[in-house]
Amino acid sequence: VVGPRTMAGFACILAGFALVKHAELRRLVGDVGTLA
């Protein structure tokens, strides 16, 4: 069973990825919104 500390660390790494790729993710969200 994966413990809460590992999941908390995973959340930090995921948030870090979102910040590193913020411009690309913003464009991706915009493209998805346009398609919708």
PDB file of all heavy atoms in Angstrom:
ATOM      1  N   VAL A   1       0.852  -1.180   0.000  1.00  0.00           N
ATOM      2  CA  VAL A   1       0.000   0.000   0.000  1.00  0.00           C
ATOM      3  C   VAL A   1       0.893   1.236   0.000  1.00  0.00           C
ATOM      4  O   VAL A   1       1.806   1.352   0.824  1.00  0.00           O
ATOM      5  CB  VAL A   1      -0.929   0.028   1.236  1.00  0.00           C
ATOM      6  CG1 VAL A   1      -1.769   1.299   1.245  1.00  0.00           C
ATOM      7  CG2 VAL A   1      -1.831  -1.208   1.238  1.00  0.00           C
ATOM      8  N   VAL A   2       0.646   2.128  -0.943  1.00  0.00           N
ATOM      9  CA  VAL A   2       1.423   3.360  -1.024  1.00  0.00           C
ATOM     10  C   VAL A   2       0.958   4.309   0.068  1.00  0.00           C
ATOM     11  O   VAL A   2      -0.237   4.581   0.212  1.00  0.00           O
ATOM     12  CB  VAL A   2       1.263   4.019  -2.407  1.00  0.00           C
ATOM     13  CG1 VAL A   2       1.967   5.373  -2.443  1.00  0.00           C
ATOM     14  CG2 VAL A   2       1.819   3.098  -3.489  1.00  0.00           C
ATOM     15  N   GLY A   3       1.900   4.811   0.851  1.00  0.00           N
ATOM     16  CA  GLY A   3       1.565   5.647   2.000  1.00  0.00           C
ATOM     17  C   GLY A   3       1.236   7.075   1.626  1.00  0.00           C
ATOM     18  O   GLY A   3       1.501   7.537   0.505  1.00  0.00           O
ATOM     19  N   PRO A   4       0.669   7.827   2.574  1.00  0.00           N
ATOM     20  CA  PRO A   4       0.271   9.219   2.313  1.00  0.00           C
ATOM     21  C   PRO A   4       1.455  10.124   1.986  1.00  0.00           C
ATOM     22  O   PRO A   4       1.310  11.082   1.222  1.00  0.00           O
ATOM     23  CB  PRO A   4      -0.430   9.638   3.610  1.00  0.00           C
ATOM     24  CG  PRO A   4       0.021   8.664   4.645  1.00  0.00           C
ATOM     25  CD  PRO A   4       0.275   7.391   3.928  1.00  0.00           C
ATOM     26  N   ARG A   5       2.645   9.833   2.563  1.00  0.00           N
ATOM     27  CA  ARG A   5       3.800  10.674   2.262  1.00  0.00           C
ATOM     28  C   ARG A   5       4.184  10.564   0.792  1.00  0.00           C
ATOM     29  O   ARG A   5       4.484  11.570   0.133  1.00  0.00           O
ATOM     30  CB  ARG A   5       4.981  10.288   3.148  1.00  0.00           C
ATOM     31  CG  ARG A   5       6.144  11.282   3.030  1.00  0.00           C
ATOM     32  CD  ARG A   5       7.337  10.892   3.875  1.00  0.00           C
ATOM     33  NE  ARG A   5       7.985   9.705   3.357  1.00  0.00           N
ATOM     34  CZ  ARG A   5       8.218   8.611   4.064  1.00  0.00           C
ATOM     35  NH1 ARG A   5       7.822   8.545   5.312  1.00  0.00           N
ATOM     36  NH2 ARG A   5       8.832   7.578   3.527  1.00  0.00           N
ATOM     37  N   THR A   6       4.144   9.352   0.244  1.00  0.00           N
ATOM     38  CA  THR A   6       4.469   9.168  -1.161  1.00  0.00           C
ATOM     39  C   THR A   6       3.458   9.890  -2.047  1.00  0.00           C
ATOM     40  O   THR A   6       3.829  10.531  -3.038  1.00  0.00           O
ATOM     41  CB  THR A   6       4.502   7.667  -1.511  1.00  0.00           C
ATOM     42  OG1 THR A   6       5.528   7.036  -0.743  1.00  0.00           O
ATOM     43  CG2 THR A   6       4.778   7.446  -2.985  1.00  0.00           C
ATOM     44  N   MET A   7       2.183   9.807  -1.704  1.00  0.00           N
ATOM     45  CA  MET A   7       1.159  10.477  -2.500  1.00  0.00           C
ATOM     46  C   MET A   7       1.294  12.002  -2.398  1.00  0.00           C
ATOM     47  O   MET A   7       1.080  12.718  -3.383  1.00  0.00           O
ATOM     48  CB  MET A   7      -0.230  10.038  -2.052  1.00  0.00           C
ATOM     49  CG  MET A   7      -0.519   8.559  -2.295  1.00  0.00           C
ATOM     50  SD  MET A   7      -0.165   8.016  -4.002  1.00  0.00           S
ATOM     51  CE  MET A   7      -1.352   9.006  -4.923  1.00  0.00           C
ATOM     52  N   ALA A   8       1.674  12.513  -1.221  1.00  0.00           N
ATOM     53  CA  ALA A   8       1.890  13.954  -1.079  1.00  0.00           C
ATOM     54  C   ALA A   8       3.071  14.410  -1.936  1.00  0.00           C
ATOM     55  O   ALA A   8       3.025  15.463  -2.579  1.00  0.00           O
ATOM     56  CB  ALA A   8       2.127  14.305   0.393  1.00  0.00           C
ATOM     57  N   GLY A   9       4.125  13.599  -1.945  1.00  0.00           N
ATOM     58  CA  GLY A   9       5.269  13.915  -2.790  1.00  0.00           C
ATOM     59  C   GLY A   9       4.897  13.890  -4.259  1.00  0.00           C
ATOM     60  O   GLY A   9       5.340  14.749  -5.045  1.00  0.00           O
ATOM     61  N   PHE A  10       4.085  12.916  -4.638  1.00  0.00           N
ATOM     62  CA  PHE A  10       3.620  12.834  -6.022  1.00  0.00           C
ATOM     63  C   PHE A  10       2.837  14.093  -6.404  1.00  0.00           C
ATOM     64  O   PHE A  10       3.007  14.637  -7.499  1.00  0.00           O
ATOM     65  CB  PHE A  10       2.748  11.590  -6.203  1.00  0.00           C
ATOM     66  CG  PHE A  10       2.009  11.535  -7.508  1.00  0.00           C
ATOM     67  CD1 PHE A  10       2.687  11.437  -8.713  1.00  0.00           C
ATOM     68  CD2 PHE A  10       0.626  11.591  -7.537  1.00  0.00           C
ATOM     69  CE1 PHE A  10       2.006  11.391  -9.916  1.00  0.00           C
ATOM     70  CE2 PHE A  10      -0.064  11.550  -8.731  1.00  0.00           C
ATOM     71  CZ  PHE A  10       0.626  11.446  -9.923  1.00  0.00           C
ATOM     72  N   ALA A  11       2.004  14.588  -5.496  1.00  0.00           N
ATOM     73  CA  ALA A  11       1.229  15.804  -5.770  1.00  0.00           C
ATOM     74  C   ALA A  11       2.159  16.995  -5.993  1.00  0.00           C
ATOM     75  O   ALA A  11       1.922  17.826  -6.877  1.00  0.00           O
ATOM     76  CB  ALA A  11       0.267  16.082  -4.614  1.00  0.00           C
ATOM     77  N   CYS A  12       3.242  17.080  -5.213  1.00  0.00           N
ATOM     78  CA  CYS A  12       4.210  18.168  -5.401  1.00  0.00           C
ATOM     79  C   CYS A  12       4.901  18.067  -6.762  1.00  0.00           C
ATOM     80  O   CYS A  12       5.073  19.069  -7.464  1.00  0.00           O
ATOM     81  CB  CYS A  12       5.259  18.142  -4.289  1.00  0.00           C
ATOM     82  SG  CYS A  12       4.678  18.722  -2.694  1.00  0.00           S
ATOM     83  N   ILE A  13       5.305  16.856  -7.139  1.00  0.00           N
ATOM     84  CA  ILE A  13       5.985  16.668  -8.427  1.00  0.00           C
ATOM     85  C   ILE A  13       5.034  16.996  -9.576  1.00  0.00           C
ATOM     86  O   ILE A  13       5.414  17.641 -10.568  1.00  0.00           O
ATOM     87  CB  ILE A  13       6.526  15.232  -8.546  1.00  0.00           C
ATOM     88  CG1 ILE A  13       7.645  15.003  -7.519  1.00  0.00           C
ATOM     89  CG2 ILE A  13       7.050  14.963  -9.953  1.00  0.00           C
ATOM     90  CD1 ILE A  13       8.121  13.573  -7.422  1.00  0.00           C
ATOM     91  N   LEU A  14       3.770  16.583  -9.455  1.00  0.00           N
ATOM     92  CA  LEU A  14       2.780  16.885 -10.483  1.00  0.00           C
ATOM     93  C   LEU A  14       2.570  18.392 -10.595  1.00  0.00           C
ATOM     94  O   LEU A  14       2.496  18.941 -11.713  1.00  0.00           O
ATOM     95  CB  LEU A  14       1.459  16.187 -10.154  1.00  0.00           C
ATOM     96  CG  LEU A  14       0.287  16.435 -11.108  1.00  0.00           C
ATOM     97  CD1 LEU A  14       0.645  16.027 -12.524  1.00  0.00           C
ATOM     98  CD2 LEU A  14      -0.949  15.678 -10.629  1.00  0.00           C
ATOM     99  N   ALA A  15       2.479  19.091  -9.449  1.00  0.00           N
ATOM    100  CA  ALA A  15       2.326  20.549  -9.471  1.00  0.00           C
ATOM    101  C   ALA A  15       3.554  21.204 -10.095  1.00  0.00           C
ATOM    102  O   ALA A  15       3.439  22.194 -10.843  1.00  0.00           O
ATOM    103  CB  ALA A  15       2.100  21.067  -8.056  1.00  0.00           C
ATOM    104  N   GLY A  16       4.734  20.647  -9.810  1.00  0.00           N
ATOM    105  CA  GLY A  16       5.945  21.168 -10.426  1.00  0.00           C
ATOM    106  C   GLY A  16       5.928  21.026 -11.930  1.00  0.00           C
ATOM    107  O   GLY A  16       6.308  21.952 -12.666  1.00  0.00           O
ATOM    108  N   PHE A  17       5.479  19.876 -12.415  1.00  0.00           N
ATOM    109  CA  PHE A  17       5.361  19.669 -13.862  1.00  0.00           C
ATOM    110  C   PHE A  17       4.402  20.692 -14.466  1.00  0.00           C
ATOM    111  O   PHE A  17       4.674  21.264 -15.530  1.00  0.00           O
ATOM    112  CB  PHE A  17       4.864  18.252 -14.143  1.00  0.00           C
ATOM    113  CG  PHE A  17       4.497  18.015 -15.583  1.00  0.00           C
ATOM    114  CD1 PHE A  17       5.469  17.724 -16.524  1.00  0.00           C
ATOM    115  CD2 PHE A  17       3.173  18.081 -16.001  1.00  0.00           C
ATOM    116  CE1 PHE A  17       5.127  17.506 -17.856  1.00  0.00           C
ATOM    117  CE2 PHE A  17       2.829  17.866 -17.318  1.00  0.00           C
ATOM    118  CZ  PHE A  17       3.809  17.579 -18.252  1.00  0.00           C
ATOM    119  N   ALA A  18       3.273  20.949 -13.800  1.00  0.00           N
ATOM    120  CA  ALA A  18       2.293  21.904 -14.317  1.00  0.00           C
ATOM    121  C   ALA A  18       2.896  23.301 -14.435  1.00  0.00           C
ATOM    122  O   ALA A  18       2.620  24.025 -15.395  1.00  0.00           O
ATOM    123  CB  ALA A  18       1.062  21.926 -13.409  1.00  0.00           C
ATOM    124  N   LEU A  19       3.743  23.691 -13.483  1.00  0.00           N
ATOM    125  CA  LEU A  19       4.379  24.999 -13.547  1.00  0.00           C
ATOM    126  C   LEU A  19       5.448  25.047 -14.640  1.00  0.00           C
ATOM    127  O   LEU A  19       5.556  26.030 -15.383  1.00  0.00           O
ATOM    128  CB  LEU A  19       5.001  25.351 -12.199  1.00  0.00           C
ATOM    129  CG  LEU A  19       4.021  25.757 -11.097  1.00  0.00           C
ATOM    130  CD1 LEU A  19       4.752  25.927  -9.770  1.00  0.00           C
ATOM    131  CD2 LEU A  19       3.299  27.054 -11.468  1.00  0.00           C
ATOM    132  N   VAL A  20       6.239  23.980 -14.751  1.00  0.00           N
ATOM    133  CA  VAL A  20       7.283  23.938 -15.772  1.00  0.00           C
ATOM    134  C   VAL A  20       6.668  24.008 -17.169  1.00  0.00           C
ATOM    135  O   VAL A  20       7.192  24.668 -18.071  1.00  0.00           O
ATOM    136  CB  VAL A  20       8.137  22.663 -15.611  1.00  0.00           C
ATOM    137  CG1 VAL A  20       8.972  22.402 -16.855  1.00  0.00           C
ATOM    138  CG2 VAL A  20       9.037  22.790 -14.390  1.00  0.00           C
ATOM    139  N   LYS A  21       5.533  23.347 -17.354  1.00  0.00           N
ATOM    140  CA  LYS A  21       4.868  23.287 -18.652  1.00  0.00           C
ATOM    141  C   LYS A  21       3.662  24.230 -18.718  1.00  0.00           C
ATOM    142  O   LYS A  21       2.729  23.987 -19.488  1.00  0.00           O
ATOM    143  CB  LYS A  21       4.417  21.845 -18.936  1.00  0.00           C
ATOM    144  CG  LYS A  21       5.550  20.847 -19.067  1.00  0.00           C
ATOM    145  CD  LYS A  21       6.350  21.081 -20.332  1.00  0.00           C
ATOM    146  CE  LYS A  21       7.405  20.021 -20.544  1.00  0.00           C
ATOM    147  NZ  LYS A  21       8.195  20.254 -21.776  1.00  0.00           N
ATOM    148  N   HIS A  22       3.687  25.313 -17.946  1.00  0.00           N
ATOM    149  CA  HIS A  22       2.487  26.150 -17.822  1.00  0.00           C
ATOM    150  C   HIS A  22       2.034  26.720 -19.158  1.00  0.00           C
ATOM    151  O   HIS A  22       0.834  26.757 -19.451  1.00  0.00           O
ATOM    152  CB  HIS A  22       2.725  27.279 -16.797  1.00  0.00           C
ATOM    153  CG  HIS A  22       3.768  28.267 -17.212  1.00  0.00           C
ATOM    154  ND1 HIS A  22       3.476  29.445 -17.844  1.00  0.00           N
ATOM    155  CD2 HIS A  22       5.119  28.244 -17.056  1.00  0.00           C
ATOM    156  CE1 HIS A  22       4.592  30.117 -18.069  1.00  0.00           C
ATOM    157  NE2 HIS A  22       5.609  29.412 -17.609  1.00  0.00           N
ATOM    158  N   ALA A  23       2.974  27.155 -20.007  1.00  0.00           N
ATOM    159  CA  ALA A  23       2.579  27.750 -21.284  1.00  0.00           C
ATOM    160  C   ALA A  23       1.951  26.699 -22.196  1.00  0.00           C
ATOM    161  O   ALA A  23       0.905  26.933 -22.817  1.00  0.00           O
ATOM    162  CB  ALA A  23       3.790  28.386 -21.956  1.00  0.00           C
ATOM    163  N   GLU A  24       2.599  25.518 -22.276  1.00  0.00           N
ATOM    164  CA  GLU A  24       2.072  24.467 -23.137  1.00  0.00           C
ATOM    165  C   GLU A  24       0.718  23.973 -22.640  1.00  0.00           C
ATOM    166  O   GLU A  24      -0.193  23.726 -23.439  1.00  0.00           O
ATOM    167  CB  GLU A  24       3.055  23.299 -23.204  1.00  0.00           C
ATOM    168  CG  GLU A  24       4.391  23.638 -23.862  1.00  0.00           C
ATOM    169  CD  GLU A  24       5.429  24.076 -22.846  1.00  0.00           C
ATOM    170  OE1 GLU A  24       5.022  24.629 -21.797  1.00  0.00           O
ATOM    171  OE2 GLU A  24       6.629  23.879 -23.113  1.00  0.00           O
ATOM    172  N   LEU A  25       0.579  23.817 -21.319  1.00  0.00           N
ATOM    173  CA  LEU A  25      -0.694  23.343 -20.768  1.00  0.00           C
ATOM    174  C   LEU A  25      -1.795  24.370 -20.974  1.00  0.00           C
ATOM    175  O   LEU A  25      -2.948  24.006 -21.213  1.00  0.00           O
ATOM    176  CB  LEU A  25      -0.530  23.024 -19.275  1.00  0.00           C
ATOM    177  CG  LEU A  25       0.336  21.803 -18.955  1.00  0.00           C
ATOM    178  CD1 LEU A  25       0.543  21.676 -17.455  1.00  0.00           C
ATOM    179  CD2 LEU A  25      -0.284  20.532 -19.508  1.00  0.00           C
ATOM    180  N   ARG A  26      -1.454  25.674 -20.894  1.00  0.00           N
ATOM    181  CA  ARG A  26      -2.456  26.703 -21.142  1.00  0.00           C
ATOM    182  C   ARG A  26      -2.955  26.617 -22.589  1.00  0.00           C
ATOM    183  O   ARG A  26      -4.153  26.724 -22.850  1.00  0.00           O
ATOM    184  CB  ARG A  26      -1.866  28.083 -20.860  1.00  0.00           C
ATOM    185  CG  ARG A  26      -2.907  29.201 -20.786  1.00  0.00           C
ATOM    186  CD  ARG A  26      -2.281  30.557 -20.564  1.00  0.00           C
ATOM    187  NE  ARG A  26      -1.392  30.547 -19.412  1.00  0.00           N
ATOM    188  CZ  ARG A  26      -0.090  30.789 -19.463  1.00  0.00           C
ATOM    189  NH1 ARG A  26       0.487  31.030 -20.627  1.00  0.00           N
ATOM    190  NH2 ARG A  26       0.637  30.767 -18.375  1.00  0.00           N
ATOM    191  N   ARG A  27      -2.015  26.425 -23.523  1.00  0.00           N
ATOM    192  CA  ARG A  27      -2.424  26.273 -24.925  1.00  0.00           C
ATOM    193  C   ARG A  27      -3.273  25.021 -25.106  1.00  0.00           C
ATOM    194  O   ARG A  27      -4.256  25.029 -25.855  1.00  0.00           O
ATOM    195  CB  ARG A  27      -1.187  26.211 -25.829  1.00  0.00           C
ATOM    196  CG  ARG A  27      -0.495  27.544 -26.020  1.00  0.00           C
ATOM    197  CD  ARG A  27       0.492  27.493 -27.164  1.00  0.00           C
ATOM    198  NE  ARG A  27       1.606  26.598 -26.891  1.00  0.00           N
ATOM    199  CZ  ARG A  27       2.745  27.000 -26.332  1.00  0.00           C
ATOM    200  NH1 ARG A  27       2.908  28.252 -25.969  1.00  0.00           N
ATOM    201  NH2 ARG A  27       3.725  26.133 -26.129  1.00  0.00           N
ATOM    202  N   LEU A  28      -2.881  23.936 -24.421  1.00  0.00           N
ATOM    203  CA  LEU A  28      -3.631  22.688 -24.532  1.00  0.00           C
ATOM    204  C   LEU A  28      -5.053  22.861 -24.019  1.00  0.00           C
ATOM    205  O   LEU A  28      -6.013  22.421 -24.660  1.00  0.00           O
ATOM    206  CB  LEU A  28      -2.913  21.589 -23.755  1.00  0.00           C
ATOM    207  CG  LEU A  28      -3.549  20.200 -23.755  1.00  0.00           C
ATOM    208  CD1 LEU A  28      -3.635  19.658 -25.161  1.00  0.00           C
ATOM    209  CD2 LEU A  28      -2.755  19.261 -22.861  1.00  0.00           C
ATOM    210  N   VAL A  29      -5.208  23.516 -22.868  1.00  0.00           N
ATOM    211  CA  VAL A  29      -6.550  23.760 -22.310  1.00  0.00           C
ATOM    212  C   VAL A  29      -7.347  24.629 -23.264  1.00  0.00           C
ATOM    213  O   VAL A  29      -8.539  24.405 -23.491  1.00  0.00           O
ATOM    214  CB  VAL A  29      -6.441  24.411 -20.920  1.00  0.00           C
ATOM    215  CG1 VAL A  29      -7.797  24.888 -20.440  1.00  0.00           C
ATOM    216  CG2 VAL A  29      -5.849  23.413 -19.920  1.00  0.00           C
ATOM    217  N   GLY A  30      -6.706  25.639 -23.867  1.00  0.00           N
ATOM    218  CA  GLY A  30      -7.395  26.482 -24.834  1.00  0.00           C
ATOM    219  C   GLY A  30      -7.862  25.711 -26.045  1.00  0.00           C
ATOM    220  O   GLY A  30      -8.990  25.896 -26.522  1.00  0.00           O
ATOM    221  N   ASP A  31      -7.009  24.801 -26.534  1.00  0.00           N
ATOM    222  CA  ASP A  31      -7.399  23.990 -27.693  1.00  0.00           C
ATOM    223  C   ASP A  31      -8.578  23.084 -27.358  1.00  0.00           C
ATOM    224  O   ASP A  31      -9.501  22.919 -28.167  1.00  0.00           O
ATOM    225  CB  ASP A  31      -6.212  23.136 -28.160  1.00  0.00           C
ATOM    226  CG  ASP A  31      -5.088  23.964 -28.757  1.00  0.00           C
ATOM    227  OD1 ASP A  31      -5.354  25.139 -29.100  1.00  0.00           O
ATOM    228  OD2 ASP A  31      -3.954  23.456 -28.846  1.00  0.00           O
ATOM    229  N   VAL A  32      -8.539  22.474 -26.152  1.00  0.00           N
ATOM    230  CA  VAL A  32      -9.643  21.610 -25.726  1.00  0.00           C
ATOM    231  C   VAL A  32     -10.937  22.418 -25.620  1.00  0.00           C
ATOM    232  O   VAL A  32     -12.008  21.976 -26.038  1.00  0.00           O
ATOM    233  CB  VAL A  32      -9.307  20.916 -24.396  1.00  0.00           C
ATOM    234  CG1 VAL A  32     -10.530  20.185 -23.854  1.00  0.00           C
ATOM    235  CG2 VAL A  32      -8.156  19.940 -24.578  1.00  0.00           C
ATOM    236  N   GLY A  33     -10.841  23.634 -25.056  1.00  0.00           N
ATOM    237  CA  GLY A  33     -12.025  24.485 -24.920  1.00  0.00           C
ATOM    238  C   GLY A  33     -12.602  24.864 -26.276  1.00  0.00           C
ATOM    239  O   GLY A  33     -13.816  24.878 -26.470  1.00  0.00           O
ATOM    240  N   THR A  34     -11.714  25.148 -27.234  1.00  0.00           N
ATOM    241  CA  THR A  34     -12.182  25.487 -28.583  1.00  0.00           C
ATOM    242  C   THR A  34     -12.904  24.323 -29.231  1.00  0.00           C
ATOM    243  O   THR A  34     -13.962  24.477 -29.844  1.00  0.00           O
ATOM    244  CB  THR A  34     -10.964  25.907 -29.458  1.00  0.00           C
ATOM    245  OG1 THR A  34     -10.342  27.052 -28.858  1.00  0.00           O
ATOM    246  CG2 THR A  34     -11.428  26.259 -30.863  1.00  0.00           C
ATOM    247  N   LEU A  35     -12.324  23.106 -29.056  1.00  0.00           N
ATOM    248  CA  LEU A  35     -12.965  21.922 -29.623  1.00  0.00           C
ATOM    249  C   LEU A  35     -14.332  21.685 -28.970  1.00  0.00           C
ATOM    250  O   LEU A  35     -15.301  21.315 -29.639  1.00  0.00           O
ATOM    251  CB  LEU A  35     -12.061  20.704 -29.436  1.00  0.00           C
ATOM    252  CG  LEU A  35     -10.817  20.641 -30.302  1.00  0.00           C
ATOM    253  CD1 LEU A  35      -9.928  19.475 -29.892  1.00  0.00           C
ATOM    254  CD2 LEU A  35     -11.190  20.529 -31.786  1.00  0.00           C
ATOM    255  N   ALA A  36     -14.407  21.896 -27.644  1.00  0.00           N
ATOM    256  CA  ALA A  36     -15.664  21.676 -26.942  1.00  0.00           C
ATOM    257  C   ALA A  36     -16.745  22.644 -27.401  1.00  0.00           C
ATOM    258  O   ALA A  36     -17.909  22.275 -27.594  1.00  0.00           O
ATOM    259  CB  ALA A  36     -15.444  21.803 -25.424  1.00  0.00           C
TER     260      ALA A  36
END
